[in-house]
Protein backbone atom coordinates (compact mmCIF):
# COMPACT_ATOMS: atom_id res chain seq x y z
CA MET A 1 -83.63 -21.94 -13.84
CA ALA A 2 -86.68 -20.99 -11.80
CA PHE A 3 -89.46 -18.75 -13.04
CA TYR A 4 -91.61 -16.03 -11.53
CA LYS A 5 -94.47 -13.84 -12.68
CA PRO A 6 -95.90 -10.59 -11.35
CA VAL A 7 -99.16 -11.04 -9.44
CA TYR A 8 -101.48 -8.22 -8.39
CA LYS A 9 -102.80 -8.39 -4.82
CA LYS A 10 -106.07 -6.56 -4.35
CA ILE A 11 -105.61 -6.16 -0.62
CA SER A 12 -102.39 -4.12 -0.96
CA GLN A 13 -103.05 -2.90 -4.51
CA LYS A 14 -99.48 -3.78 -5.44
CA TYR A 15 -97.66 -6.35 -7.58
CA TYR A 16 -95.43 -9.05 -6.13
CA PRO A 17 -93.33 -11.82 -7.70
CA GLN A 18 -94.80 -15.32 -7.48
CA ALA A 19 -93.00 -18.55 -8.36
CA VAL A 20 -94.32 -20.33 -11.47
CA VAL A 21 -94.35 -24.10 -11.90
CA ARG A 22 -93.72 -25.03 -15.53
CA GLY A 23 -94.35 -28.21 -17.44
CA LYS A 24 -95.78 -31.41 -16.18
CA GLN A 25 -95.27 -32.63 -12.66
CA ILE A 26 -92.42 -35.12 -12.17
CA THR A 27 -93.89 -38.53 -11.36
CA THR A 28 -92.70 -41.11 -8.87
CA LYS A 29 -91.54 -43.31 -11.76
CA GLU A 30 -89.47 -40.48 -13.25
CA LEU A 31 -87.98 -39.70 -9.85
CA ALA A 32 -87.18 -43.39 -9.31
CA ALA A 33 -85.45 -43.57 -12.70
CA ALA A 34 -83.35 -40.49 -11.95
CA LEU A 35 -82.34 -41.84 -8.53
CA ALA A 36 -81.51 -45.24 -10.02
CA ASP A 37 -79.25 -43.54 -12.57
CA ARG A 38 -77.27 -42.04 -9.66
CA SER A 39 -76.89 -45.30 -7.75
CA THR A 40 -76.47 -49.04 -8.06
CA VAL A 41 -80.14 -49.68 -7.25
CA THR A 42 -82.63 -50.54 -9.97
CA THR A 43 -85.49 -48.24 -10.94
CA ALA A 44 -87.97 -50.89 -9.75
CA ASP A 45 -86.34 -51.06 -6.31
CA VAL A 46 -86.30 -47.28 -5.89
CA TYR A 47 -89.92 -47.05 -7.08
CA ALA A 48 -91.06 -49.72 -4.61
CA VAL A 49 -89.42 -47.86 -1.72
CA LEU A 50 -90.84 -44.48 -2.77
CA ILE A 51 -94.36 -45.92 -3.05
CA ASP A 52 -94.21 -47.16 0.55
CA LEU A 53 -92.40 -44.11 1.94
CA GLY A 54 -95.56 -42.08 2.54
CA LYS A 55 -97.33 -44.93 4.31
CA VAL A 56 -94.38 -45.58 6.61
CA MET A 57 -93.91 -41.87 7.36
CA GLY A 58 -97.64 -41.51 8.06
CA THR A 59 -97.51 -44.40 10.52
CA TYR A 60 -94.70 -42.77 12.48
CA MET A 61 -96.29 -39.32 12.42
CA ALA A 62 -99.59 -40.82 13.63
CA GLN A 63 -97.60 -41.95 16.70
CA GLY A 64 -96.72 -38.31 17.39
CA ARG A 65 -93.23 -38.52 15.93
CA SER A 66 -91.56 -36.35 13.33
CA VAL A 67 -89.67 -37.91 10.43
CA LYS A 68 -86.34 -36.54 9.23
CA LEU A 69 -85.01 -37.54 5.83
CA GLU A 70 -81.33 -36.60 5.74
CA GLY A 71 -80.56 -34.23 2.91
CA LEU A 72 -84.25 -33.39 2.51
CA GLY A 73 -85.84 -32.22 5.74
CA SER A 74 -88.36 -33.04 8.45
CA PHE A 75 -92.06 -33.85 8.29
CA ARG A 76 -94.61 -33.66 11.11
CA TYR A 77 -98.35 -33.57 11.57
CA ALA A 78 -100.14 -30.33 12.32
CA ILE A 79 -103.84 -29.77 12.85
CA THR A 80 -106.51 -27.29 11.88
CA ALA A 81 -109.15 -26.56 14.48
CA ARG A 82 -112.62 -25.07 14.47
CA LYS A 83 -112.55 -21.29 14.22
CA GLN A 84 -114.33 -20.75 17.51
CA GLY A 85 -112.05 -21.48 20.45
CA VAL A 86 -112.99 -22.39 24.01
CA ASP A 87 -112.43 -20.53 27.26
CA THR A 88 -110.43 -23.09 29.22
CA ALA A 89 -107.79 -25.75 28.50
CA GLU A 90 -110.09 -28.38 30.02
CA GLU A 91 -112.69 -27.71 27.29
CA VAL A 92 -110.26 -28.53 24.47
CA THR A 93 -111.09 -31.92 22.95
CA ALA A 94 -110.22 -33.87 19.82
CA ALA A 95 -113.69 -32.97 18.49
CA ALA A 96 -112.35 -29.45 17.80
CA ILE A 97 -109.84 -30.86 15.29
CA VAL A 98 -111.22 -30.57 11.75
CA GLY A 99 -108.18 -31.46 9.66
CA THR A 100 -104.74 -32.98 9.59
CA LEU A 101 -101.91 -31.30 7.71
CA VAL A 102 -98.32 -32.28 7.05
CA ARG A 103 -95.70 -29.65 7.80
CA PHE A 104 -92.36 -29.83 6.01
CA SER A 105 -89.21 -28.06 7.15
CA PRO A 106 -86.33 -28.29 4.68
CA GLU A 107 -83.00 -29.34 6.12
CA SER A 108 -80.59 -26.46 6.55
CA THR A 109 -77.04 -25.89 7.68
CA ARG A 110 -75.51 -22.76 9.20
CA ASN A 111 -72.06 -21.35 8.59
CA ALA A 112 -69.53 -21.19 11.45
CA ASP A 113 -70.67 -17.79 12.76
CA HIS A 114 -74.38 -18.74 12.40
CA THR A 115 -75.14 -15.70 10.22
CA THR A 116 -76.38 -17.54 7.14
CA ALA A 117 -78.27 -20.77 6.57
CA THR A 118 -78.35 -22.96 3.49
CA ARG A 119 -81.35 -25.14 2.69
CA THR A 120 -80.43 -28.40 1.02
CA MET A 121 -83.27 -28.30 -1.51
CA VAL A 122 -82.37 -24.83 -2.73
CA ALA A 123 -79.54 -24.96 -5.23
CA GLY A 124 -76.59 -22.76 -4.22
CA SER A 125 -77.84 -19.81 -6.21
CA VAL A 126 -81.27 -19.96 -7.79
CA GLU A 127 -81.45 -18.00 -11.02
CA TRP A 128 -84.90 -16.40 -11.29
CA THR A 129 -86.23 -15.52 -14.75
CA LYS A 130 -89.45 -13.71 -15.54
CA TYR A 131 -92.00 -16.12 -17.01
CA ALA A 132 -93.14 -14.92 -20.44
CA ASP A 133 -96.00 -17.23 -21.46
CA GLU A 134 -98.53 -15.02 -23.24
CA GLU A 135 -101.32 -17.51 -22.65
CA GLU A 136 -100.78 -17.44 -18.88
CA LYS A 137 -103.57 -15.36 -17.34
CA GLU A 138 -102.64 -12.94 -14.61
CA ASP A 139 -103.61 -14.30 -11.21
CA SER A 140 -105.29 -11.52 -9.25
CA SER A 141 -106.26 -13.60 -6.26
CA ASP A 142 -105.55 -12.36 -2.76
CA SER A 143 -104.43 -15.75 -1.50
CA GLY A 144 -101.12 -15.93 -3.35
CA ASP A 145 -99.32 -19.15 -4.17
CA SER A 146 -101.55 -22.04 -3.15
CA SER A 147 -98.53 -24.28 -2.62
CA ASN A 148 -97.67 -22.17 0.43
CA SER A 149 -101.20 -22.17 1.79
CA ASP A 150 -101.84 -23.53 5.25
CA SER A 151 -105.51 -23.90 4.48
CA GLY A 152 -107.12 -27.15 3.72
CA THR A 153 -108.48 -30.01 5.64
CA GLY A 154 -108.64 -33.63 5.02
CA SER A 155 -106.42 -36.63 5.12
CA ASN A 156 -102.68 -37.00 5.05
CA PRO A 157 -101.41 -36.28 1.52
CA LEU A 158 -98.53 -38.68 2.15
């Protein structure tokens, strides 16, 4: 079951649903244990592979490649540039790049007539329930869900 809460956006002066993340974040060790339970591989083996996955993916993406994990999706590098552009293509240099981002596109499949797509990480039918934590303060920011934000600079989070 997934949760949402109403969030007021000052710019439109309206309320919109926003996904809520509950509980503590699942760790690599917990993920490794769950994957090991579904296979013949030990938790330690799965953990070791997961720890190195980001480094290996980063190496390939730094070579200009994208990385596709079957059943999950594709990852690729994207960049953020200085706000002021230049007038000609010849003036564009690496010095204008101020940050490296990782873009993720979930894997999807289309039905035979290509009218609907299914993303592998979205369970067949997500049941959304209004989040009712009284201690949760209403978020009245204009930026929305930070997990969907394209802003940010810095190094590869992988």
